[in-house]
């Protein structure tokens, strides 16, 4: 694989994160194509250098080319997947005939597939006949709007092949976007997936009017919970103390731009989930991932009380106040 081929990148998914990553890659000097579904958004990016639907007012690098033609995938050496998790399997099936045999896939979506409870790496392994070394995942504390503004951001890229991982981290890195690498793909993606569930819980605390004590407790116990689940899936526990674990958890639980936190906050204020999702305009992966995480914990016989509480609020009609009270009244134990 030549450096030139490696640097021809297609980013699939025209949401806020896909657009931000395409912008980063173009800033880094790479041949970057954004493949999306909406003709109007593609036109706006090509003519006005803006994604008016997801990142209004944010300038996209002029070198980013947007298209709805999936045949553009056949010319890339690296595919960055920013397609929502629940649609990735179907999307890959629809486009895999266009993908080069030696392509490297970098997943940028954070979640678990409903029904199978699989992280995206395992979904891709089932759908694409690629060596495991050709798969990577990028995660970490990174609001798309802040990336577009050139705010200093650090993320981690998980790839089982250390050499390929080092080349990929260089591919993404710019003066404002720093990319570390790790060989613990499972740890990187499980941290990114499960923190969204904890962010909903953090938002509920805010919506109920709780103060800093509750938020700090939630983040700490949430980290312990996602670490247990991740380790059961084969991740290295230390990974969860890094950018895709603690880093992303803190950002998503405390940052006002977090969609998952917004969902929780509005639930805490008494709004209906259906109304929240309909008005959000973007995917909050934690809503779907919560159920998959609950099934995962049950299968491994792992205690996941925060995930359980979030699921009861989201899917069983439990009141946020009752769910918090049940959490606080659980049997006492050592930390």
C-alpha atoms as a PDB file:
ATOM      1  CA  UNK A   1       0.000   0.000   0.000  1.00  0.00           C
ATOM      2  CA  UNK A   2       1.557   3.296  -1.077  1.00  0.00           C
ATOM      3  CA  UNK A   3       1.375   6.465   0.967  1.00  0.00           C
ATOM      4  CA  UNK A   4      -0.542   8.150  -1.828  1.00  0.00           C
ATOM      5  CA  UNK A   5      -3.244   5.486  -1.903  1.00  0.00           C
ATOM      6  CA  UNK A   6      -3.414   5.507   1.893  1.00  0.00           C
ATOM      7  CA  UNK A   7      -3.978   9.275   1.836  1.00  0.00           C
ATOM      8  CA  UNK A   8      -6.935   9.158  -0.564  1.00  0.00           C
ATOM      9  CA  UNK A   9      -9.746   9.185   1.958  1.00  0.00           C
ATOM     10  CA  UNK A  10     -13.498   8.799   1.687  1.00  0.00           C
ATOM     11  CA  UNK A  11     -15.583   9.802   4.690  1.00  0.00           C
ATOM     12  CA  UNK A  12     -19.002   8.144   4.714  1.00  0.00           C
ATOM     13  CA  UNK A  13     -21.722  10.026   6.558  1.00  0.00           C
ATOM     14  CA  UNK A  14     -22.611  13.684   6.222  1.00  0.00           C
ATOM     15  CA  UNK A  15     -23.533  14.353   9.844  1.00  0.00           C
ATOM     16  CA  UNK A  16     -21.608  16.666  12.144  1.00  0.00           C
ATOM     17  CA  UNK A  17     -18.815  14.214  13.006  1.00  0.00           C
ATOM     18  CA  UNK A  18     -18.321  12.938   9.467  1.00  0.00           C
ATOM     19  CA  UNK A  19     -18.123  16.509   8.207  1.00  0.00           C
ATOM     20  CA  UNK A  20     -15.668  17.491  10.951  1.00  0.00           C
ATOM     21  CA  UNK A  21     -13.388  14.550  10.183  1.00  0.00           C
ATOM     22  CA  UNK A  22     -13.456  15.316   6.463  1.00  0.00           C
ATOM     23  CA  UNK A  23     -12.468  18.883   7.351  1.00  0.00           C
ATOM     24  CA  UNK A  24      -9.576  17.648   9.546  1.00  0.00           C
ATOM     25  CA  UNK A  25      -8.286  15.336   6.820  1.00  0.00           C
ATOM     26  CA  UNK A  26      -8.408  18.111   4.229  1.00  0.00           C
ATOM     27  CA  UNK A  27      -6.586  20.465   6.586  1.00  0.00           C
ATOM     28  CA  UNK A  28      -3.932  17.748   6.909  1.00  0.00           C
ATOM     29  CA  UNK A  29      -3.496  17.885   3.136  1.00  0.00           C
ATOM     30  CA  UNK A  30      -5.195  14.652   2.100  1.00  0.00           C
ATOM     31  CA  UNK A  31      -7.386  13.983  -0.924  1.00  0.00           C
ATOM     32  CA  UNK A  32     -10.750  13.880   0.886  1.00  0.00           C
ATOM     33  CA  UNK A  33     -14.213  12.991  -0.419  1.00  0.00           C
ATOM     34  CA  UNK A  34     -17.319  13.192   1.783  1.00  0.00           C
ATOM     35  CA  UNK A  35     -19.904  10.615   0.690  1.00  0.00           C
ATOM     36  CA  UNK A  36     -23.414  11.414   1.886  1.00  0.00           C
ATOM     37  CA  UNK A  37     -27.077  10.966   0.986  1.00  0.00           C
ATOM     38  CA  UNK A  38     -28.480  14.499   0.837  1.00  0.00           C
ATOM     39  CA  UNK A  39     -27.938  16.221  -2.524  1.00  0.00           C
ATOM     40  CA  UNK A  40     -28.671  19.646  -1.022  1.00  0.00           C
ATOM     41  CA  UNK A  41     -26.063  19.225   1.710  1.00  0.00           C
ATOM     42  CA  UNK A  42     -23.514  18.005  -0.845  1.00  0.00           C
ATOM     43  CA  UNK A  43     -24.213  21.066  -2.989  1.00  0.00           C
ATOM     44  CA  UNK A  44     -23.844  23.415  -0.014  1.00  0.00           C
ATOM     45  CA  UNK A  45     -20.505  21.867   0.970  1.00  0.00           C
ATOM     46  CA  UNK A  46     -19.157  22.082  -2.583  1.00  0.00           C
ATOM     47  CA  UNK A  47     -20.404  25.600  -3.316  1.00  0.00           C
ATOM     48  CA  UNK A  48     -20.526  27.357   0.082  1.00  0.00           C
ATOM     49  CA  UNK A  49     -18.154  25.110   2.061  1.00  0.00           C
ATOM     50  CA  UNK A  50     -20.718  24.639   4.821  1.00  0.00           C
ATOM     51  CA  UNK A  51     -22.923  21.831   6.129  1.00  0.00           C
ATOM     52  CA  UNK A  52     -26.060  23.899   6.832  1.00  0.00           C
ATOM     53  CA  UNK A  53     -27.988  21.008   8.326  1.00  0.00           C
ATOM     54  CA  UNK A  54     -25.564  19.833  10.990  1.00  0.00           C
ATOM     55  CA  UNK A  55     -22.872  22.523  11.335  1.00  0.00           C
ATOM     56  CA  UNK A  56     -24.419  25.827  10.270  1.00  0.00           C
ATOM     57  CA  UNK A  57     -21.967  28.693  10.219  1.00  0.00           C
ATOM     58  CA  UNK A  58     -18.890  26.432  10.369  1.00  0.00           C
ATOM     59  CA  UNK A  59     -16.564  26.655   7.371  1.00  0.00           C
ATOM     60  CA  UNK A  60     -15.599  23.320   5.805  1.00  0.00           C
ATOM     61  CA  UNK A  61     -12.140  23.233   4.208  1.00  0.00           C
ATOM     62  CA  UNK A  62     -12.441  24.142   0.537  1.00  0.00           C
ATOM     63  CA  UNK A  63     -10.599  20.981  -0.550  1.00  0.00           C
ATOM     64  CA  UNK A  64     -13.366  18.684   0.762  1.00  0.00           C
ATOM     65  CA  UNK A  65     -15.421  17.306  -2.124  1.00  0.00           C
ATOM     66  CA  UNK A  66     -18.938  16.121  -1.296  1.00  0.00           C
ATOM     67  CA  UNK A  67     -20.859  13.597  -3.383  1.00  0.00           C
ATOM     68  CA  UNK A  68     -23.843  11.271  -3.237  1.00  0.00           C
ATOM     69  CA  UNK A  69     -22.210   8.936  -5.783  1.00  0.00           C
ATOM     70  CA  UNK A  70     -21.085   5.816  -3.897  1.00  0.00           C
ATOM     71  CA  UNK A  71     -18.783   4.824  -6.757  1.00  0.00           C
ATOM     72  CA  UNK A  72     -16.379   7.403  -5.293  1.00  0.00           C
ATOM     73  CA  UNK A  73     -15.555   4.766  -2.684  1.00  0.00           C
ATOM     74  CA  UNK A  74     -13.720   2.715  -5.312  1.00  0.00           C
ATOM     75  CA  UNK A  75     -10.973   5.340  -5.524  1.00  0.00           C
ATOM     76  CA  UNK A  76     -10.103   5.567  -1.829  1.00  0.00           C
ATOM     77  CA  UNK A  77      -7.384   3.849   0.169  1.00  0.00           C
ATOM     78  CA  UNK A  78      -8.933   4.690   3.532  1.00  0.00           C
ATOM     79  CA  UNK A  79     -12.638   4.718   4.401  1.00  0.00           C
ATOM     80  CA  UNK A  80     -13.764   6.638   7.479  1.00  0.00           C
ATOM     81  CA  UNK A  81     -17.158   5.355   8.606  1.00  0.00           C
ATOM     82  CA  UNK A  82     -19.333   7.998  10.272  1.00  0.00           C
ATOM     83  CA  UNK A  83     -22.592   6.217   9.454  1.00  0.00           C
ATOM     84  CA  UNK A  84     -24.813   5.757  12.582  1.00  0.00           C
ATOM     85  CA  UNK A  85     -24.184   2.415  14.255  1.00  0.00           C
ATOM     86  CA  UNK A  86     -27.662   0.972  13.777  1.00  0.00           C
ATOM     87  CA  UNK A  87     -27.366   1.487   9.989  1.00  0.00           C
ATOM     88  CA  UNK A  88     -23.767   0.412   9.421  1.00  0.00           C
ATOM     89  CA  UNK A  89     -24.394  -3.240   8.601  1.00  0.00           C
ATOM     90  CA  UNK A  90     -26.997  -2.379   5.958  1.00  0.00           C
ATOM     91  CA  UNK A  91     -24.849   0.419   4.543  1.00  0.00           C
ATOM     92  CA  UNK A  92     -21.747  -1.779   4.240  1.00  0.00           C
ATOM     93  CA  UNK A  93     -23.755  -4.463   2.463  1.00  0.00           C
ATOM     94  CA  UNK A  94     -24.998  -1.875  -0.040  1.00  0.00           C
ATOM     95  CA  UNK A  95     -21.545  -0.498  -0.908  1.00  0.00           C
ATOM     96  CA  UNK A  96     -19.009  -3.284  -0.379  1.00  0.00           C
ATOM     97  CA  UNK A  97     -18.879  -4.102  -4.091  1.00  0.00           C
ATOM     98  CA  UNK A  98     -17.286  -0.663  -4.590  1.00  0.00           C
ATOM     99  CA  UNK A  99     -14.599  -1.024  -1.903  1.00  0.00           C
ATOM    100  CA  UNK A 100     -11.007  -1.836  -2.938  1.00  0.00           C
ATOM    101  CA  UNK A 101      -9.700  -5.172  -1.662  1.00  0.00           C
ATOM    102  CA  UNK A 102      -6.872  -3.601   0.364  1.00  0.00           C
ATOM    103  CA  UNK A 103      -8.892  -0.747   1.868  1.00  0.00           C
ATOM    104  CA  UNK A 104      -8.358   0.369   5.472  1.00  0.00           C
ATOM    105  CA  UNK A 105     -11.574   1.114   7.382  1.00  0.00           C
ATOM    106  CA  UNK A 106     -11.616   3.573  10.291  1.00  0.00           C
ATOM    107  CA  UNK A 107     -14.865   3.561  12.252  1.00  0.00           C
ATOM    108  CA  UNK A 108     -15.828   6.892  13.756  1.00  0.00           C
ATOM    109  CA  UNK A 109     -19.274   5.959  15.130  1.00  0.00           C
ATOM    110  CA  UNK A 110     -19.761   5.079  18.788  1.00  0.00           C
ATOM    111  CA  UNK A 111     -22.286   2.460  19.799  1.00  0.00           C
ATOM    112  CA  UNK A 112     -23.383  -1.175  19.941  1.00  0.00           C
ATOM    113  CA  UNK A 113     -25.629  -2.837  17.384  1.00  0.00           C
ATOM    114  CA  UNK A 114     -29.125  -3.628  18.627  1.00  0.00           C
ATOM    115  CA  UNK A 115     -30.033  -7.295  18.502  1.00  0.00           C
ATOM    116  CA  UNK A 116     -26.459  -8.584  18.329  1.00  0.00           C
ATOM    117  CA  UNK A 117     -24.949  -6.288  21.021  1.00  0.00           C
ATOM    118  CA  UNK A 118     -21.816  -6.209  18.857  1.00  0.00           C
ATOM    119  CA  UNK A 119     -19.359  -3.324  18.667  1.00  0.00           C
ATOM    120  CA  UNK A 120     -18.789  -2.006  15.180  1.00  0.00           C
ATOM    121  CA  UNK A 121     -15.477  -3.821  14.675  1.00  0.00           C
ATOM    122  CA  UNK A 122     -17.253  -7.167  14.922  1.00  0.00           C
ATOM    123  CA  UNK A 123     -20.075  -6.041  12.666  1.00  0.00           C
ATOM    124  CA  UNK A 124     -17.482  -5.093  10.049  1.00  0.00           C
ATOM    125  CA  UNK A 125     -15.643  -8.398  10.499  1.00  0.00           C
ATOM    126  CA  UNK A 126     -18.879 -10.209   9.658  1.00  0.00           C
ATOM    127  CA  UNK A 127     -19.631  -8.071   6.602  1.00  0.00           C
ATOM    128  CA  UNK A 128     -16.222  -7.343   5.008  1.00  0.00           C
ATOM    129  CA  UNK A 129     -13.567  -9.943   4.117  1.00  0.00           C
ATOM    130  CA  UNK A 130     -10.704  -7.779   5.410  1.00  0.00           C
ATOM    131  CA  UNK A 131      -7.761  -8.744   7.626  1.00  0.00           C
ATOM    132  CA  UNK A 132      -8.263  -7.552  11.221  1.00  0.00           C
ATOM    133  CA  UNK A 133      -5.204  -5.312  10.770  1.00  0.00           C
ATOM    134  CA  UNK A 134      -7.106  -3.279   8.166  1.00  0.00           C
ATOM    135  CA  UNK A 135      -9.738  -2.193  10.672  1.00  0.00           C
ATOM    136  CA  UNK A 136      -9.396   0.751  13.069  1.00  0.00           C
ATOM    137  CA  UNK A 137     -11.601   2.886  15.289  1.00  0.00           C
ATOM    138  CA  UNK A 138     -11.216   6.544  16.247  1.00  0.00           C
ATOM    139  CA  UNK A 139     -12.650   7.837  19.512  1.00  0.00           C
ATOM    140  CA  UNK A 140     -12.114  10.372  22.246  1.00  0.00           C
ATOM    141  CA  UNK A 141     -13.428  13.673  23.644  1.00  0.00           C
ATOM    142  CA  UNK A 142     -14.280  15.575  20.487  1.00  0.00           C
ATOM    143  CA  UNK A 143     -17.308  17.756  19.847  1.00  0.00           C
ATOM    144  CA  UNK A 144     -17.568  18.299  16.099  1.00  0.00           C
ATOM    145  CA  UNK A 145     -18.337  22.019  16.373  1.00  0.00           C
ATOM    146  CA  UNK A 146     -15.199  22.636  18.428  1.00  0.00           C
ATOM    147  CA  UNK A 147     -13.081  20.654  15.961  1.00  0.00           C
ATOM    148  CA  UNK A 148     -14.448  22.830  13.149  1.00  0.00           C
ATOM    149  CA  UNK A 149     -13.387  25.903  15.139  1.00  0.00           C
ATOM    150  CA  UNK A 150      -9.820  24.587  15.346  1.00  0.00           C
ATOM    151  CA  UNK A 151     -10.023  24.090  19.112  1.00  0.00           C
ATOM    152  CA  UNK A 152      -7.237  21.827  20.478  1.00  0.00           C
ATOM    153  CA  UNK A 153      -8.564  18.252  20.473  1.00  0.00           C
ATOM    154  CA  UNK A 154      -6.961  14.890  21.297  1.00  0.00           C
ATOM    155  CA  UNK A 155      -8.333  11.497  20.272  1.00  0.00           C
ATOM    156  CA  UNK A 156      -7.107   7.903  20.141  1.00  0.00           C
ATOM    157  CA  UNK A 157      -7.061   5.550  17.175  1.00  0.00           C
ATOM    158  CA  UNK A 158      -7.321   1.835  17.872  1.00  0.00           C
ATOM    159  CA  UNK A 159      -5.735  -0.565  15.378  1.00  0.00           C
ATOM    160  CA  UNK A 160      -4.436  -4.084  16.017  1.00  0.00           C
ATOM    161  CA  UNK A 161      -1.541  -3.497  13.606  1.00  0.00           C
ATOM    162  CA  UNK A 162       0.850  -1.142  15.383  1.00  0.00           C
ATOM    163  CA  UNK A 163       2.530   0.023  12.158  1.00  0.00           C
ATOM    164  CA  UNK A 164      -0.762   0.763  10.406  1.00  0.00           C
ATOM    165  CA  UNK A 165      -2.008   2.475  13.546  1.00  0.00           C
ATOM    166  CA  UNK A 166       1.010   4.780  13.603  1.00  0.00           C
ATOM    167  CA  UNK A 167       0.421   5.731   9.955  1.00  0.00           C
ATOM    168  CA  UNK A 168      -3.254   6.357  10.586  1.00  0.00           C
ATOM    169  CA  UNK A 169      -2.584   8.589  13.590  1.00  0.00           C
ATOM    170  CA  UNK A 170      -0.283  10.651  11.350  1.00  0.00           C
ATOM    171  CA  UNK A 171      -2.993  10.763   8.673  1.00  0.00           C
ATOM    172  CA  UNK A 172      -5.466  12.461  11.019  1.00  0.00           C
ATOM    173  CA  UNK A 173      -3.126  14.728  12.972  1.00  0.00           C
ATOM    174  CA  UNK A 174      -3.023  18.501  12.452  1.00  0.00           C
ATOM    175  CA  UNK A 175      -1.768  21.396  14.627  1.00  0.00           C
ATOM    176  CA  UNK A 176      -5.169  21.394  16.412  1.00  0.00           C
ATOM    177  CA  UNK A 177      -6.144  17.711  16.166  1.00  0.00           C
ATOM    178  CA  UNK A 178      -3.750  15.335  17.959  1.00  0.00           C
ATOM    179  CA  UNK A 179      -4.175  11.608  17.403  1.00  0.00           C
ATOM    180  CA  UNK A 180      -2.682   8.921  19.647  1.00  0.00           C
ATOM    181  CA  UNK A 181      -2.763   5.204  18.792  1.00  0.00           C
ATOM    182  CA  UNK A 182      -3.518   1.984  20.658  1.00  0.00           C
ATOM    183  CA  UNK A 183      -3.622  -1.689  19.723  1.00  0.00           C
ATOM    184  CA  UNK A 184      -6.646  -2.219  22.009  1.00  0.00           C
ATOM    185  CA  UNK A 185      -9.424  -1.846  19.432  1.00  0.00           C
ATOM    186  CA  UNK A 186     -12.058  -3.307  21.763  1.00  0.00           C
ATOM    187  CA  UNK A 187     -11.159  -0.964  24.594  1.00  0.00           C
ATOM    188  CA  UNK A 188     -11.200   2.121  22.393  1.00  0.00           C
ATOM    189  CA  UNK A 189     -14.580   1.353  20.867  1.00  0.00           C
ATOM    190  CA  UNK A 190     -16.267   0.078  24.045  1.00  0.00           C
ATOM    191  CA  UNK A 191     -15.304   3.247  25.899  1.00  0.00           C
ATOM    192  CA  UNK A 192     -16.722   5.344  23.088  1.00  0.00           C
ATOM    193  CA  UNK A 193     -19.942   3.337  22.939  1.00  0.00           C
ATOM    194  CA  UNK A 194     -20.754   3.002  26.630  1.00  0.00           C
ATOM    195  CA  UNK A 195     -19.973   6.569  27.691  1.00  0.00           C
ATOM    196  CA  UNK A 196     -23.056   7.686  25.739  1.00  0.00           C
ATOM    197  CA  UNK A 197     -25.273   5.713  28.117  1.00  0.00           C
ATOM    198  CA  UNK A 198     -23.594   7.359  31.109  1.00  0.00           C
ATOM    199  CA  UNK A 199     -24.075  10.763  29.488  1.00  0.00           C
ATOM    200  CA  UNK A 200     -27.829  10.205  29.406  1.00  0.00           C
ATOM    201  CA  UNK A 201     -27.687   9.422  33.128  1.00  0.00           C
ATOM    202  CA  UNK A 202     -25.626  12.564  33.758  1.00  0.00           C
ATOM    203  CA  UNK A 203     -28.172  14.617  31.859  1.00  0.00           C
ATOM    204  CA  UNK A 204     -30.982  13.160  33.953  1.00  0.00           C
ATOM    205  CA  UNK A 205     -29.169  14.338  37.085  1.00  0.00           C
ATOM    206  CA  UNK A 206     -28.933  17.845  35.652  1.00  0.00           C
ATOM    207  CA  UNK A 207     -32.564  17.824  34.542  1.00  0.00           C
ATOM    208  CA  UNK A 208     -33.641  16.848  38.050  1.00  0.00           C
ATOM    209  CA  UNK A 209     -31.731  19.811  39.443  1.00  0.00           C
ATOM    210  CA  UNK A 210     -28.969  17.853  41.177  1.00  0.00           C
ATOM    211  CA  UNK A 211     -25.668  19.594  41.834  1.00  0.00           C
ATOM    212  CA  UNK A 212     -21.985  18.737  41.430  1.00  0.00           C
ATOM    213  CA  UNK A 213     -21.910  15.899  43.977  1.00  0.00           C
ATOM    214  CA  UNK A 214     -24.313  13.797  41.917  1.00  0.00           C
ATOM    215  CA  UNK A 215     -22.456  14.475  38.672  1.00  0.00           C
ATOM    216  CA  UNK A 216     -19.086  13.505  40.114  1.00  0.00           C
ATOM    217  CA  UNK A 217     -20.508  10.301  41.607  1.00  0.00           C
ATOM    218  CA  UNK A 218     -22.188   9.408  38.332  1.00  0.00           C
ATOM    219  CA  UNK A 219     -19.013   9.874  36.274  1.00  0.00           C
ATOM    220  CA  UNK A 220     -16.931   7.843  38.744  1.00  0.00           C
ATOM    221  CA  UNK A 221     -19.330   4.928  39.067  1.00  0.00           C
ATOM    222  CA  UNK A 222     -20.094   5.118  35.337  1.00  0.00           C
ATOM    223  CA  UNK A 223     -16.392   4.690  34.574  1.00  0.00           C
ATOM    224  CA  UNK A 224     -16.268   1.607  36.814  1.00  0.00           C
ATOM    225  CA  UNK A 225     -19.312   0.177  35.047  1.00  0.00           C
ATOM    226  CA  UNK A 226     -18.096   0.686  31.499  1.00  0.00           C
ATOM    227  CA  UNK A 227     -14.673  -0.671  32.493  1.00  0.00           C
ATOM    228  CA  UNK A 228     -16.277  -3.893  33.779  1.00  0.00           C
ATOM    229  CA  UNK A 229     -18.287  -4.352  30.602  1.00  0.00           C
ATOM    230  CA  UNK A 230     -15.347  -3.532  28.372  1.00  0.00           C
ATOM    231  CA  UNK A 231     -13.021  -5.929  30.191  1.00  0.00           C
ATOM    232  CA  UNK A 232     -15.603  -8.696  29.817  1.00  0.00           C
ATOM    233  CA  UNK A 233     -15.476  -8.102  26.055  1.00  0.00           C
ATOM    234  CA  UNK A 234     -11.689  -8.547  26.107  1.00  0.00           C
ATOM    235  CA  UNK A 235     -10.506  -4.954  26.469  1.00  0.00           C
ATOM    236  CA  UNK A 236      -7.475  -3.907  28.497  1.00  0.00           C
ATOM    237  CA  UNK A 237      -8.770  -2.171  31.675  1.00  0.00           C
ATOM    238  CA  UNK A 238      -6.106   0.542  31.488  1.00  0.00           C
ATOM    239  CA  UNK A 239      -7.535   1.744  28.166  1.00  0.00           C
ATOM    240  CA  UNK A 240     -10.555   3.108  30.010  1.00  0.00           C
ATOM    241  CA  UNK A 241      -8.346   5.567  31.870  1.00  0.00           C
ATOM    242  CA  UNK A 242      -7.408   7.143  28.536  1.00  0.00           C
ATOM    243  CA  UNK A 243      -9.035   9.414  25.977  1.00  0.00           C
ATOM    244  CA  UNK A 244     -11.722   7.008  24.752  1.00  0.00           C
ATOM    245  CA  UNK A 245     -12.731   6.110  28.311  1.00  0.00           C
ATOM    246  CA  UNK A 246     -12.321   8.724  31.014  1.00  0.00           C
ATOM    247  CA  UNK A 247     -11.667  11.543  28.543  1.00  0.00           C
ATOM    248  CA  UNK A 248     -14.779  11.011  26.444  1.00  0.00           C
ATOM    249  CA  UNK A 249     -16.868  10.178  29.513  1.00  0.00           C
ATOM    250  CA  UNK A 250     -16.034  13.486  31.209  1.00  0.00           C
ATOM    251  CA  UNK A 251     -16.702  15.508  28.049  1.00  0.00           C
ATOM    252  CA  UNK A 252     -19.972  13.787  27.179  1.00  0.00           C
ATOM    253  CA  UNK A 253     -21.313  13.906  30.727  1.00  0.00           C
ATOM    254  CA  UNK A 254     -20.471  17.578  31.321  1.00  0.00           C
ATOM    255  CA  UNK A 255     -20.386  19.318  27.930  1.00  0.00           C
ATOM    256  CA  UNK A 256     -23.418  21.300  26.837  1.00  0.00           C
ATOM    257  CA  UNK A 257     -22.939  20.170  23.214  1.00  0.00           C
ATOM    258  CA  UNK A 258     -23.439  16.495  24.106  1.00  0.00           C
ATOM    259  CA  UNK A 259     -26.563  15.154  22.381  1.00  0.00           C
ATOM    260  CA  UNK A 260     -26.830  12.236  24.802  1.00  0.00           C
ATOM    261  CA  UNK A 261     -26.579  14.527  27.800  1.00  0.00           C
ATOM    262  CA  UNK A 262     -29.282  16.719  26.257  1.00  0.00           C
ATOM    263  CA  UNK A 263     -31.576  13.695  25.966  1.00  0.00           C
ATOM    264  CA  UNK A 264     -31.058  12.870  29.643  1.00  0.00           C
ATOM    265  CA  UNK A 265     -31.519  16.451  30.776  1.00  0.00           C
ATOM    266  CA  UNK A 266     -34.823  16.757  28.955  1.00  0.00           C
ATOM    267  CA  UNK A 267     -35.982  13.397  30.345  1.00  0.00           C
ATOM    268  CA  UNK A 268     -35.127  14.658  33.820  1.00  0.00           C
ATOM    269  CA  UNK A 269     -37.291  17.715  33.192  1.00  0.00           C
ATOM    270  CA  UNK A 270     -40.219  15.462  32.324  1.00  0.00           C
ATOM    271  CA  UNK A 271     -40.247  15.463  28.515  1.00  0.00           C
ATOM    272  CA  UNK A 272     -41.214  12.359  26.544  1.00  0.00           C
ATOM    273  CA  UNK A 273     -38.455  10.421  24.786  1.00  0.00           C
ATOM    274  CA  UNK A 274     -40.347  10.401  21.485  1.00  0.00           C
ATOM    275  CA  UNK A 275     -40.618  14.197  21.490  1.00  0.00           C
ATOM    276  CA  UNK A 276     -36.956  14.622  22.398  1.00  0.00           C
ATOM    277  CA  UNK A 277     -35.704  12.315  19.640  1.00  0.00           C
ATOM    278  CA  UNK A 278     -38.015  13.909  17.068  1.00  0.00           C
ATOM    279  CA  UNK A 279     -36.790  17.431  17.863  1.00  0.00           C
ATOM    280  CA  UNK A 280     -33.095  16.624  18.255  1.00  0.00           C
ATOM    281  CA  UNK A 281     -32.347  16.522  14.530  1.00  0.00           C
ATOM    282  CA  UNK A 282     -29.318  14.264  15.057  1.00  0.00           C
ATOM    283  CA  UNK A 283     -28.681  10.736  16.327  1.00  0.00           C
ATOM    284  CA  UNK A 284     -28.049  10.255  20.049  1.00  0.00           C
ATOM    285  CA  UNK A 285     -26.397   6.816  19.950  1.00  0.00           C
ATOM    286  CA  UNK A 286     -26.820   6.216  23.687  1.00  0.00           C
ATOM    287  CA  UNK A 287     -30.589   5.758  23.329  1.00  0.00           C
ATOM    288  CA  UNK A 288     -30.124   2.601  21.240  1.00  0.00           C
ATOM    289  CA  UNK A 289     -26.863   1.490  22.849  1.00  0.00           C
ATOM    290  CA  UNK A 290     -28.387   1.423  26.349  1.00  0.00           C
ATOM    291  CA  UNK A 291     -30.528  -1.624  25.557  1.00  0.00           C
ATOM    292  CA  UNK A 292     -27.636  -3.460  23.916  1.00  0.00           C
ATOM    293  CA  UNK A 293     -25.371  -2.674  26.876  1.00  0.00           C
ATOM    294  CA  UNK A 294     -27.995  -3.991  29.275  1.00  0.00           C
ATOM    295  CA  UNK A 295     -28.202  -7.265  27.322  1.00  0.00           C
ATOM    296  CA  UNK A 296     -24.424  -7.481  27.255  1.00  0.00           C
ATOM    297  CA  UNK A 297     -24.179  -7.042  31.022  1.00  0.00           C
ATOM    298  CA  UNK A 298     -26.853  -9.667  31.605  1.00  0.00           C
ATOM    299  CA  UNK A 299     -25.059 -12.129  29.342  1.00  0.00           C
ATOM    300  CA  UNK A 300     -21.797 -11.679  31.255  1.00  0.00           C
ATOM    301  CA  UNK A 301     -23.614 -11.539  34.637  1.00  0.00           C
ATOM    302  CA  UNK A 302     -22.037  -8.168  35.313  1.00  0.00           C
ATOM    303  CA  UNK A 303     -23.554  -5.559  37.593  1.00  0.00           C
ATOM    304  CA  UNK A 304     -24.529  -2.497  35.531  1.00  0.00           C
ATOM    305  CA  UNK A 305     -26.899  -0.467  37.724  1.00  0.00           C
ATOM    306  CA  UNK A 306     -26.497   2.866  35.899  1.00  0.00           C
ATOM    307  CA  UNK A 307     -27.195   1.231  32.539  1.00  0.00           C
ATOM    308  CA  UNK A 308     -30.186  -0.550  34.074  1.00  0.00           C
ATOM    309  CA  UNK A 309     -31.558   2.724  35.437  1.00  0.00           C
ATOM    310  CA  UNK A 310     -31.149   4.452  32.066  1.00  0.00           C
ATOM    311  CA  UNK A 311     -32.962   1.602  30.304  1.00  0.00           C
ATOM    312  CA  UNK A 312     -35.827   1.743  32.782  1.00  0.00           C
ATOM    313  CA  UNK A 313     -36.241   5.460  32.111  1.00  0.00           C
ATOM    314  CA  UNK A 314     -35.860   5.176  28.325  1.00  0.00           C
ATOM    315  CA  UNK A 315     -37.819   2.028  27.605  1.00  0.00           C
ATOM    316  CA  UNK A 316     -39.977   1.116  30.586  1.00  0.00           C
ATOM    317  CA  UNK A 317     -41.507   4.415  31.600  1.00  0.00           C
ATOM    318  CA  UNK A 318     -39.770   4.650  34.980  1.00  0.00           C
ATOM    319  CA  UNK A 319     -39.700   8.156  36.392  1.00  0.00           C
ATOM    320  CA  UNK A 320     -36.200   9.648  36.627  1.00  0.00           C
ATOM    321  CA  UNK A 321     -36.704  10.387  40.329  1.00  0.00           C
ATOM    322  CA  UNK A 322     -37.643   6.780  41.067  1.00  0.00           C
ATOM    323  CA  UNK A 323     -34.697   5.453  39.069  1.00  0.00           C
ATOM    324  CA  UNK A 324     -32.253   7.649  40.999  1.00  0.00           C
ATOM    325  CA  UNK A 325     -33.805   6.650  44.318  1.00  0.00           C
ATOM    326  CA  UNK A 326     -33.436   2.973  43.432  1.00  0.00           C
ATOM    327  CA  UNK A 327     -29.769   3.551  42.568  1.00  0.00           C
ATOM    328  CA  UNK A 328     -29.128   5.279  45.886  1.00  0.00           C
ATOM    329  CA  UNK A 329     -30.959   2.590  47.904  1.00  0.00           C
ATOM    330  CA  UNK A 330     -29.083  -0.390  46.476  1.00  0.00           C
ATOM    331  CA  UNK A 331     -27.403  -2.649  49.068  1.00  0.00           C
ATOM    332  CA  UNK A 332     -24.209  -1.105  50.439  1.00  0.00           C
ATOM    333  CA  UNK A 333     -20.888  -2.630  49.396  1.00  0.00           C
ATOM    334  CA  UNK A 334     -17.157  -2.002  49.165  1.00  0.00           C
ATOM    335  CA  UNK A 335     -16.058   0.244  46.327  1.00  0.00           C
END
